[in-house]
Amino acid sequence: MFEFIFVVSCLVFVSTITWLSYKLGETKSMNAKVSSIVGFVLAFIPPLALFYIGFLAFKNESPVDDSTVSE
């Protein structure tokens, strides 16, 4: 039973870090997909993943390119 809880909590942590990386990457970086891939890889090393999320959270927003904005 303990193994099941551990595996589920690990999967929840990895998916949460990946989702947060993507959402923060949409506004804080030029490429959200790369941010989510880096977040996914770092999610397997929890302290680094938390530092990465903190880095993205406190980073200034990237400038918006008018050619990529759809109306």
N, C-alpha and C. Protein backbone atom coordinates (compact mmCIF):
# COMPACT_ATOMS: atom_id res chain seq x y z
N MET A 1 0.82 -1.20 0.00
CA MET A 1 0.00 0.00 0.00
C MET A 1 0.86 1.25 0.00
N PHE A 2 1.97 1.20 0.76
CA PHE A 2 2.87 2.35 0.82
C PHE A 2 3.47 2.65 -0.56
N GLU A 3 3.80 1.61 -1.30
CA GLU A 3 4.38 1.81 -2.63
C GLU A 3 3.39 2.49 -3.57
N PHE A 4 2.14 2.11 -3.47
CA PHE A 4 1.11 2.72 -4.31
C PHE A 4 0.98 4.22 -4.01
N ILE A 5 0.94 4.57 -2.75
CA ILE A 5 0.83 5.98 -2.36
C ILE A 5 2.06 6.76 -2.82
N PHE A 6 3.24 6.17 -2.70
CA PHE A 6 4.47 6.82 -3.14
C PHE A 6 4.47 7.06 -4.64
N VAL A 7 4.08 6.07 -5.42
CA VAL A 7 4.05 6.20 -6.88
C VAL A 7 3.03 7.25 -7.31
N VAL A 8 1.87 7.23 -6.72
CA VAL A 8 0.83 8.22 -7.06
C VAL A 8 1.28 9.62 -6.70
N SER A 9 1.90 9.81 -5.55
CA SER A 9 2.36 11.14 -5.17
C SER A 9 3.49 11.62 -6.08
N CYS A 10 4.34 10.71 -6.52
CA CYS A 10 5.39 11.08 -7.48
C CYS A 10 4.79 11.49 -8.82
N LEU A 11 3.79 10.77 -9.29
CA LEU A 11 3.14 11.13 -10.55
C LEU A 11 2.42 12.47 -10.45
N VAL A 12 1.79 12.73 -9.32
CA VAL A 12 1.12 14.01 -9.11
C VAL A 12 2.15 15.14 -9.09
N PHE A 13 3.28 14.92 -8.42
CA PHE A 13 4.33 15.94 -8.36
C PHE A 13 4.89 16.25 -9.75
N VAL A 14 5.20 15.21 -10.51
CA VAL A 14 5.77 15.41 -11.85
C VAL A 14 4.77 16.13 -12.75
N SER A 15 3.52 15.73 -12.72
CA SER A 15 2.53 16.38 -13.58
C SER A 15 2.27 17.82 -13.14
N THR A 16 2.29 18.09 -11.84
CA THR A 16 2.09 19.45 -11.35
C THR A 16 3.24 20.36 -11.76
N ILE A 17 4.47 19.91 -11.61
CA ILE A 17 5.63 20.71 -12.00
C ILE A 17 5.62 20.96 -13.50
N THR A 18 5.27 19.96 -14.29
CA THR A 18 5.22 20.13 -15.74
C THR A 18 4.13 21.13 -16.12
N TRP A 19 2.97 21.03 -15.52
CA TRP A 19 1.87 21.95 -15.82
C TRP A 19 2.23 23.38 -15.40
N LEU A 20 2.80 23.54 -14.21
CA LEU A 20 3.20 24.87 -13.75
C LEU A 20 4.28 25.46 -14.65
N SER A 21 5.21 24.64 -15.10
CA SER A 21 6.25 25.12 -16.00
C SER A 21 5.65 25.60 -17.31
N TYR A 22 4.68 24.89 -17.82
CA TYR A 22 4.05 25.30 -19.07
C TYR A 22 3.27 26.61 -18.89
N LYS A 23 2.48 26.68 -17.82
CA LYS A 23 1.67 27.89 -17.59
C LYS A 23 2.54 29.11 -17.34
N LEU A 24 3.59 28.97 -16.55
CA LEU A 24 4.50 30.08 -16.32
C LEU A 24 5.31 30.40 -17.57
N GLY A 25 5.63 29.38 -18.34
CA GLY A 25 6.39 29.58 -19.57
C GLY A 25 5.62 30.33 -20.64
N GLU A 26 4.29 30.25 -20.59
CA GLU A 26 3.48 30.99 -21.56
C GLU A 26 3.69 32.49 -21.45
N THR A 27 3.83 33.00 -20.25
CA THR A 27 3.97 34.44 -20.06
C THR A 27 5.39 34.88 -19.74
N LYS A 28 6.18 34.00 -19.17
CA LYS A 28 7.50 34.40 -18.70
C LYS A 28 8.64 34.08 -19.65
N SER A 29 8.39 33.29 -20.68
CA SER A 29 9.45 32.94 -21.62
C SER A 29 8.92 33.01 -23.04
N MET A 30 9.82 32.87 -23.98
CA MET A 30 9.44 32.95 -25.39
C MET A 30 8.87 31.63 -25.91
N ASN A 31 9.16 30.52 -25.23
CA ASN A 31 8.72 29.22 -25.71
C ASN A 31 8.22 28.38 -24.53
N ALA A 32 6.92 28.19 -24.46
CA ALA A 32 6.33 27.46 -23.33
C ALA A 32 6.64 25.96 -23.40
N LYS A 33 6.78 25.42 -24.61
CA LYS A 33 7.06 23.99 -24.72
C LYS A 33 8.42 23.64 -24.14
N VAL A 34 9.41 24.47 -24.42
CA VAL A 34 10.75 24.22 -23.87
C VAL A 34 10.72 24.34 -22.35
N SER A 35 9.98 25.31 -21.84
CA SER A 35 9.86 25.46 -20.39
C SER A 35 9.23 24.23 -19.75
N SER A 36 8.22 23.67 -20.40
CA SER A 36 7.57 22.49 -19.84
C SER A 36 8.47 21.26 -19.92
N ILE A 37 9.27 21.15 -20.98
CA ILE A 37 10.20 20.01 -21.09
C ILE A 37 11.27 20.09 -20.01
N VAL A 38 11.82 21.30 -19.79
CA VAL A 38 12.81 21.48 -18.73
C VAL A 38 12.18 21.18 -17.37
N GLY A 39 10.95 21.64 -17.15
CA GLY A 39 10.25 21.36 -15.90
C GLY A 39 10.01 19.87 -15.70
N PHE A 40 9.67 19.16 -16.77
CA PHE A 40 9.45 17.72 -16.68
C PHE A 40 10.73 17.00 -16.28
N VAL A 41 11.83 17.37 -16.91
CA VAL A 41 13.11 16.71 -16.60
C VAL A 41 13.53 17.02 -15.16
N LEU A 42 13.39 18.28 -14.75
CA LEU A 42 13.80 18.65 -13.41
C LEU A 42 12.85 18.13 -12.33
N ALA A 43 11.65 17.70 -12.71
CA ALA A 43 10.69 17.17 -11.74
C ALA A 43 11.19 15.88 -11.10
N PHE A 44 12.13 15.21 -11.73
CA PHE A 44 12.68 14.00 -11.15
C PHE A 44 13.77 14.29 -10.12
N ILE A 45 14.14 15.57 -9.98
CA ILE A 45 15.05 16.03 -8.94
C ILE A 45 14.31 17.16 -8.21
N PRO A 46 13.49 16.82 -7.21
CA PRO A 46 12.56 17.79 -6.62
C PRO A 46 13.14 19.13 -6.17
N PRO A 47 14.31 19.20 -5.52
CA PRO A 47 14.80 20.53 -5.15
C PRO A 47 15.06 21.43 -6.35
N LEU A 48 15.62 20.85 -7.41
CA LEU A 48 15.88 21.64 -8.62
C LEU A 48 14.57 22.06 -9.29
N ALA A 49 13.58 21.21 -9.24
CA ALA A 49 12.28 21.54 -9.83
C ALA A 49 11.65 22.72 -9.10
N LEU A 50 11.74 22.72 -7.79
CA LEU A 50 11.17 23.83 -7.02
C LEU A 50 11.93 25.13 -7.26
N PHE A 51 13.26 25.06 -7.39
CA PHE A 51 14.04 26.25 -7.73
C PHE A 51 13.66 26.76 -9.12
N TYR A 52 13.44 25.86 -10.05
CA TYR A 52 13.06 26.25 -11.41
C TYR A 52 11.70 26.94 -11.43
N ILE A 53 10.74 26.41 -10.70
CA ILE A 53 9.42 27.04 -10.61
C ILE A 53 9.53 28.42 -9.96
N GLY A 54 10.36 28.53 -8.94
CA GLY A 54 10.59 29.83 -8.32
C GLY A 54 11.25 30.80 -9.27
N PHE A 55 12.20 30.31 -10.06
CA PHE A 55 12.86 31.16 -11.05
C PHE A 55 11.85 31.69 -12.06
N LEU A 56 11.00 30.80 -12.57
CA LEU A 56 9.99 31.24 -13.54
C LEU A 56 8.98 32.19 -12.92
N ALA A 57 8.63 31.96 -11.67
CA ALA A 57 7.62 32.79 -11.02
C ALA A 57 8.11 34.22 -10.82
N PHE A 58 9.40 34.38 -10.49
CA PHE A 58 9.93 35.71 -10.23
C PHE A 58 10.56 36.38 -11.44
N LYS A 59 10.60 35.68 -12.57
CA LYS A 59 11.16 36.24 -13.80
C LYS A 59 10.21 37.29 -14.36
N ASN A 60 10.77 38.34 -14.97
CA ASN A 60 9.93 39.34 -15.62
C ASN A 60 9.23 38.74 -16.83
N GLU A 61 8.07 39.29 -17.15
CA GLU A 61 7.33 38.78 -18.30
C GLU A 61 8.06 39.11 -19.59
N SER A 62 7.98 38.20 -20.54
CA SER A 62 8.64 38.43 -21.82
C SER A 62 7.78 39.37 -22.67
N PRO A 63 8.43 40.12 -23.55
CA PRO A 63 7.66 41.01 -24.41
C PRO A 63 6.81 40.21 -25.37
N VAL A 64 5.63 40.75 -25.69
CA VAL A 64 4.70 40.05 -26.59
C VAL A 64 5.00 40.47 -28.02
N ASP A 65 5.14 39.48 -28.88
CA ASP A 65 5.35 39.74 -30.30
C ASP A 65 3.98 39.83 -30.96
N ASP A 66 3.70 40.96 -31.63
CA ASP A 66 2.38 41.17 -32.22
C ASP A 66 2.06 40.18 -33.34
N SER A 67 3.08 39.60 -33.96
CA SER A 67 2.81 38.68 -35.06
C SER A 67 2.29 37.34 -34.56
N THR A 68 2.53 37.00 -33.28
CA THR A 68 2.08 35.71 -32.77
C THR A 68 0.72 35.79 -32.08
N VAL A 69 0.21 36.99 -31.88
CA VAL A 69 -1.08 37.17 -31.22
C VAL A 69 -2.19 37.02 -32.25
N SER A 70 -3.09 36.09 -32.00
CA SER A 70 -4.20 35.89 -32.92
C SER A 70 -5.43 36.64 -32.43
N GLU A 71 -6.17 37.15 -33.36
CA GLU A 71 -7.36 37.91 -32.98
C GLU A 71 -8.62 37.13 -33.28
